[in-house]
């Protein structure tokens, strides 16, 4: 009986010790957790002040994940994340606006070399002034086109005494060459004759030039031969003027496409900011 009593007493004592240990541990940990959370938050603020935004966001996310029960530091961490988000978006807008301004200034002198082929259209097609119809109506050549969004395409213009019914062209530089797709859509083929002379125009849109345009622009400083491919073939060598027109048009197309992309990024940033701050309207 005494042994049983001693055993029960020892269990009771152990239970008391365990309870005391739990109280000590819990009371001792609550303060360090708050301090650790505050230290992590302070480190995040310091990283933000030193413009180390990614590090600051990681530290704040750590606070939110590790100490979800500490309401004050959680609230402060969420507010700080909002501040970082706003700062990043404002920096992005500042950079994009600056880049857009630079690109538009670079485009201006290049645009002076072009004129609208269809000025009354909502989306006018720009052609190099050296390749306007009044400068090239009586010769065989190929022409570069671009619209305000940077969409680039080429067209082949043949004139002679007989139709060759061409549907493709090949550009050659030494042993290298690039050939367009064969065009069968009548919307992109135009043939007519007048007083013994014939004209054929074929447009290579939607990528059907198969890289011929960029091939010519890249090799503008080399002799470039063009072969008109149809029921019969006809070969010309591009003039320096036409090669320069291709280079200018292709360069303009790239720059216009970049400005379109920059404007799209600006819209996306502003939309993201409105979603984050729905109460704010665009200025």
Protein backbone atom coordinates (compact mmCIF):
# COMPACT_ATOMS: atom_id res chain seq x y z
CA UNK A 1 0.00 0.00 0.00
CA UNK A 2 2.85 2.39 0.89
CA UNK A 3 4.51 1.64 -2.43
CA UNK A 4 1.28 2.49 -4.25
CA UNK A 5 0.98 5.74 -2.35
CA UNK A 6 4.57 6.64 -3.14
CA UNK A 7 3.97 5.84 -6.85
CA UNK A 8 0.83 8.04 -6.95
CA UNK A 9 2.68 10.82 -5.15
CA UNK A 10 5.55 10.69 -7.63
CA UNK A 11 3.14 10.86 -10.59
CA UNK A 12 1.39 13.81 -8.98
CA UNK A 13 4.70 15.58 -8.43
CA UNK A 14 5.75 14.93 -12.03
CA UNK A 15 2.46 16.33 -13.31
CA UNK A 16 2.96 19.45 -11.24
CA UNK A 17 6.49 19.84 -12.61
CA UNK A 18 5.25 19.44 -16.18
CA UNK A 19 2.57 22.06 -15.62
CA UNK A 20 5.12 24.46 -14.14
CA UNK A 21 7.49 23.84 -17.08
CA UNK A 22 4.73 24.55 -19.59
CA UNK A 23 3.83 27.79 -17.82
CA UNK A 24 7.47 28.86 -17.74
CA UNK A 25 8.01 28.01 -21.43
CA UNK A 26 4.86 29.73 -22.61
CA UNK A 27 5.41 32.84 -20.52
CA UNK A 28 9.04 32.96 -21.63
CA UNK A 29 8.34 32.55 -25.38
CA UNK A 30 5.61 35.14 -25.88
CA UNK A 31 8.02 38.03 -25.40
CA UNK A 32 10.80 36.64 -27.64
CA UNK A 33 8.28 35.95 -30.45
CA UNK A 34 7.10 39.57 -30.36
CA UNK A 35 10.66 40.77 -30.31
CA UNK A 36 11.66 38.50 -33.19
CA UNK A 37 8.66 39.64 -35.22
CA UNK A 38 9.48 43.29 -34.55
CA UNK A 39 13.15 42.73 -35.41
CA UNK A 40 12.18 41.12 -38.71
CA UNK A 41 9.79 43.96 -39.46
CA UNK A 42 12.43 46.59 -38.62
CA UNK A 43 14.91 44.78 -40.89
CA UNK A 44 12.32 44.91 -43.68
CA UNK A 45 11.86 48.67 -43.22
CA UNK A 46 15.62 49.14 -43.30
CA UNK A 47 15.83 47.12 -46.55
CA UNK A 48 13.07 49.27 -48.05
CA UNK A 49 14.85 52.48 -47.08
CA UNK A 50 17.94 51.15 -48.87
CA UNK A 51 15.82 50.33 -51.95
CA UNK A 52 16.24 46.58 -51.53
CA UNK A 53 12.59 45.94 -52.24
CA UNK A 54 12.76 42.20 -52.88
CA UNK A 55 14.50 41.58 -49.57
CA UNK A 56 11.97 43.78 -47.78
CA UNK A 57 9.05 41.84 -49.29
CA UNK A 58 10.57 38.50 -48.32
CA UNK A 59 11.05 39.65 -44.73
CA UNK A 60 7.49 40.98 -44.49
CA UNK A 61 6.10 37.77 -45.96
CA UNK A 62 8.07 35.91 -43.29
CA UNK A 63 6.41 37.99 -40.58
CA UNK A 64 2.94 37.28 -41.98
CA UNK A 65 3.63 33.55 -42.28
CA UNK A 66 5.46 33.04 -38.97
CA UNK A 67 3.50 35.36 -36.66
CA UNK A 68 -0.11 35.45 -37.91
CA UNK A 69 -1.39 35.81 -34.35
CA UNK A 70 0.52 39.03 -33.62
CA UNK A 71 -2.10 41.40 -34.97
CA UNK A 72 -0.24 44.69 -34.68
CA UNK A 73 2.93 43.59 -36.47
CA UNK A 74 0.85 41.75 -39.08
CA UNK A 75 -1.14 44.92 -39.78
CA UNK A 76 2.05 46.99 -40.00
CA UNK A 77 3.62 44.41 -42.33
CA UNK A 78 0.62 44.52 -44.67
CA UNK A 79 0.73 48.32 -44.71
CA UNK A 80 4.44 48.19 -45.49
CA UNK A 81 3.84 45.78 -48.38
CA UNK A 82 1.32 48.26 -49.78
CA UNK A 83 3.90 51.03 -49.59
CA UNK A 84 6.50 48.89 -51.35
CA UNK A 85 4.02 47.90 -54.05
CA UNK A 86 3.10 51.52 -54.68
CA UNK A 87 6.76 52.58 -54.78
CA UNK A 88 7.64 49.83 -57.26
CA UNK A 89 4.75 50.69 -59.57
CA UNK A 90 5.55 54.39 -59.47
CA UNK A 91 9.19 53.60 -60.32
CA UNK A 92 8.03 51.36 -63.16
CA UNK A 93 5.80 54.11 -64.54
CA UNK A 94 8.58 56.65 -64.28
CA UNK A 95 10.97 54.35 -66.14
CA UNK A 96 8.42 53.42 -68.84
CA UNK A 97 7.37 57.05 -69.38
CA UNK A 98 11.02 58.05 -69.72
CA UNK A 99 11.74 55.18 -72.13
CA UNK A 100 8.66 56.02 -74.21
CA UNK A 101 9.74 59.65 -74.48
CA UNK A 102 13.22 58.59 -75.62
CA UNK A 103 11.84 56.23 -78.27
CA UNK A 104 9.37 58.82 -79.57
CA UNK A 105 12.18 61.36 -79.90
CA UNK A 106 14.25 58.80 -81.81
CA UNK A 107 11.35 58.04 -84.15
CA UNK A 108 10.67 61.66 -85.12
CA UNK A 109 13.60 62.16 -87.55
CA UNK A 110 12.95 58.74 -89.08
CA UNK A 111 9.26 59.49 -89.57
CA UNK A 112 10.25 62.53 -91.63
CA UNK A 113 11.46 60.12 -94.32
CA UNK A 114 7.97 58.64 -94.77
CA UNK A 115 4.55 59.65 -95.97
CA UNK A 116 1.13 58.04 -95.71
CA UNK A 117 0.12 55.94 -98.67
CA UNK A 118 -3.55 56.18 -97.70
CA UNK A 119 -3.73 59.29 -95.51
CA UNK A 120 -7.52 59.18 -95.15
CA UNK A 121 -7.52 55.70 -93.59
CA UNK A 122 -7.83 55.12 -89.85
CA UNK A 123 -4.65 53.06 -89.98
CA UNK A 124 -2.51 54.68 -92.70
CA UNK A 125 0.26 52.72 -94.37
CA UNK A 126 3.60 54.50 -94.35
CA UNK A 127 6.01 54.24 -97.28
CA UNK A 128 9.46 55.67 -97.75
CA UNK A 129 9.46 58.88 -99.77
CA UNK A 130 11.99 57.28 -102.12
CA UNK A 131 9.46 54.56 -102.97
CA UNK A 132 6.27 56.55 -103.56
CA UNK A 133 4.35 55.67 -106.77
CA UNK A 134 5.35 58.86 -108.59
CA UNK A 135 9.02 57.90 -108.12
CA UNK A 136 8.74 54.24 -109.13
CA UNK A 137 5.70 53.66 -111.34
CA UNK A 138 7.78 52.91 -114.47
CA UNK A 139 10.21 50.35 -113.05
CA UNK A 140 10.28 46.91 -111.45
CA UNK A 141 11.18 46.94 -107.77
CA UNK A 142 10.06 45.76 -104.36
CA UNK A 143 8.56 48.03 -101.76
CA UNK A 144 8.50 48.14 -97.94
CA UNK A 145 5.39 49.14 -95.95
CA UNK A 146 4.72 49.78 -92.27
CA UNK A 147 1.73 50.98 -90.23
CA UNK A 148 1.68 53.04 -87.02
CA UNK A 149 1.77 49.87 -84.90
CA UNK A 150 4.95 48.64 -86.56
CA UNK A 151 3.29 46.00 -88.75
CA UNK A 152 5.75 45.46 -91.59
CA UNK A 153 5.13 43.89 -94.99
CA UNK A 154 6.53 44.05 -98.50
CA UNK A 155 5.15 44.11 -102.03
CA UNK A 156 6.68 43.28 -105.40
CA UNK A 157 6.08 45.53 -108.40
CA UNK A 158 6.78 44.26 -111.90
CA UNK A 159 6.36 46.21 -115.12
CA UNK A 160 7.15 45.15 -118.66
CA UNK A 161 5.66 44.38 -122.04
CA UNK A 162 4.24 40.97 -121.07
CA UNK A 163 2.69 39.46 -117.96
CA UNK A 164 4.83 37.01 -116.01
CA UNK A 165 2.00 36.29 -113.52
CA UNK A 166 4.42 36.28 -110.61
CA UNK A 167 3.29 35.03 -107.17
CA UNK A 168 6.56 35.01 -105.20
CA UNK A 169 10.01 36.59 -105.08
CA UNK A 170 13.45 35.46 -104.00
CA UNK A 171 16.12 37.76 -102.56
CA UNK A 172 19.73 36.62 -103.04
CA UNK A 173 23.05 37.82 -101.61
CA UNK A 174 25.97 35.75 -102.91
CA UNK A 175 25.09 32.15 -101.98
CA UNK A 176 22.47 33.13 -99.38
CA UNK A 177 18.84 33.72 -100.25
CA UNK A 178 15.36 34.07 -98.77
CA UNK A 179 12.12 33.32 -100.63
CA UNK A 180 8.57 34.46 -99.91
CA UNK A 181 5.57 32.17 -99.67
CA UNK A 182 3.59 31.67 -102.87
CA UNK A 183 0.63 34.05 -102.91
CA UNK A 184 -2.65 32.70 -104.24
CA UNK A 185 -5.14 35.04 -102.56
CA UNK A 186 -6.46 37.37 -105.26
CA UNK A 187 -6.92 40.10 -102.66
CA UNK A 188 -3.14 40.44 -102.56
CA UNK A 189 -2.55 40.26 -106.34
CA UNK A 190 -3.26 43.09 -108.76
CA UNK A 191 -2.55 43.01 -112.52
CA UNK A 192 -3.42 45.57 -115.20
CA UNK A 193 -2.19 46.83 -118.56
CA UNK A 194 -2.21 50.13 -120.42
CA UNK A 195 -1.09 50.93 -123.96
CA UNK A 196 1.25 48.00 -124.37
CA UNK A 197 2.70 48.04 -120.85
CA UNK A 198 1.70 45.69 -118.03
CA UNK A 199 1.95 46.01 -114.27
CA UNK A 200 1.80 43.33 -111.58
CA UNK A 201 1.66 44.00 -107.83
CA UNK A 202 1.78 41.24 -105.21
CA UNK A 203 1.54 41.92 -101.48
CA UNK A 204 3.18 39.62 -98.91
CA UNK A 205 1.28 40.22 -95.67
CA UNK A 206 0.86 38.41 -92.36
CA UNK A 207 4.37 36.97 -92.42
CA UNK A 208 4.14 35.58 -95.96
CA UNK A 209 7.29 37.51 -96.89
CA UNK A 210 9.02 34.70 -94.95
CA UNK A 211 11.81 36.98 -93.73
CA UNK A 212 12.67 38.53 -97.11
CA UNK A 213 12.15 42.05 -95.72
CA UNK A 214 14.54 41.59 -92.80
CA UNK A 215 17.00 39.77 -95.09
CA UNK A 216 17.19 42.81 -97.38
CA UNK A 217 17.39 45.25 -94.46
CA UNK A 218 20.23 43.24 -92.91
CA UNK A 219 22.14 43.08 -96.20
CA UNK A 220 21.47 46.65 -97.31
CA UNK A 221 25.20 47.30 -97.78
CA UNK A 222 25.63 44.35 -100.20
CA UNK A 223 24.41 43.64 -103.74
CA UNK A 224 20.89 42.16 -103.48
CA UNK A 225 19.30 40.40 -106.44
CA UNK A 226 15.54 39.91 -106.67
CA UNK A 227 13.95 37.16 -108.76
CA UNK A 228 10.25 37.46 -109.63
CA UNK A 229 8.82 33.92 -109.74
CA UNK A 230 5.77 33.20 -111.93
CA UNK A 231 4.93 31.55 -115.24
CA UNK A 232 8.31 32.97 -116.19
CA UNK A 233 11.08 34.56 -114.13
CA UNK A 234 12.43 38.07 -114.10
CA UNK A 235 15.52 39.25 -112.27
CA UNK A 236 16.62 42.69 -111.05
CA UNK A 237 19.27 44.08 -108.75
CA UNK A 238 18.00 46.37 -106.03
CA UNK A 239 19.15 49.97 -106.18
CA UNK A 240 20.99 51.50 -103.24
CA UNK A 241 17.96 53.77 -102.76
CA UNK A 242 15.57 50.81 -102.44
CA UNK A 243 17.91 48.98 -100.06
CA UNK A 244 18.18 52.07 -97.86
CA UNK A 245 14.38 52.44 -97.94
CA UNK A 246 14.05 48.85 -96.75
CA UNK A 247 16.54 49.42 -93.95
CA UNK A 248 14.78 52.61 -92.82
CA UNK A 249 11.34 51.01 -92.99
CA UNK A 250 12.39 47.91 -91.10
CA UNK A 251 14.09 50.03 -88.42
CA UNK A 252 10.98 52.19 -88.09
CA UNK A 253 8.81 49.07 -87.78
CA UNK A 254 10.95 47.76 -84.91
CA UNK A 255 10.83 51.10 -83.09
CA UNK A 256 7.08 51.51 -83.55
CA UNK A 257 6.48 47.99 -82.25
CA UNK A 258 8.59 48.79 -79.21
CA UNK A 259 6.58 51.95 -78.46
CA UNK A 260 3.36 49.92 -78.75
CA UNK A 261 4.76 47.42 -76.24
CA UNK A 262 5.86 50.19 -73.86
CA UNK A 263 2.40 51.80 -74.01
CA UNK A 264 0.83 48.42 -73.30
CA UNK A 265 3.09 47.96 -70.27
CA UNK A 266 2.14 51.42 -69.01
CA UNK A 267 -1.56 50.54 -69.31
CA UNK A 268 -0.98 47.24 -67.49
CA UNK A 269 0.83 48.97 -64.60
CA UNK A 270 -1.93 51.56 -64.25
CA UNK A 271 -4.61 48.85 -64.33
CA UNK A 272 -2.74 46.89 -61.66
CA UNK A 273 -2.54 50.01 -59.48
CA UNK A 274 -6.26 50.67 -59.90
CA UNK A 275 -7.05 47.10 -58.87
CA UNK A 276 -4.83 47.48 -55.83
CA UNK A 277 -6.34 50.87 -55.05
CA UNK A 278 -9.88 50.77 -56.51
CA UNK A 279 -10.80 54.02 -54.83
CA UNK A 280 -8.30 55.91 -56.98
CA UNK A 281 -9.06 57.00 -60.53
CA UNK A 282 -6.55 57.57 -63.30
CA UNK A 283 -5.36 61.14 -63.45
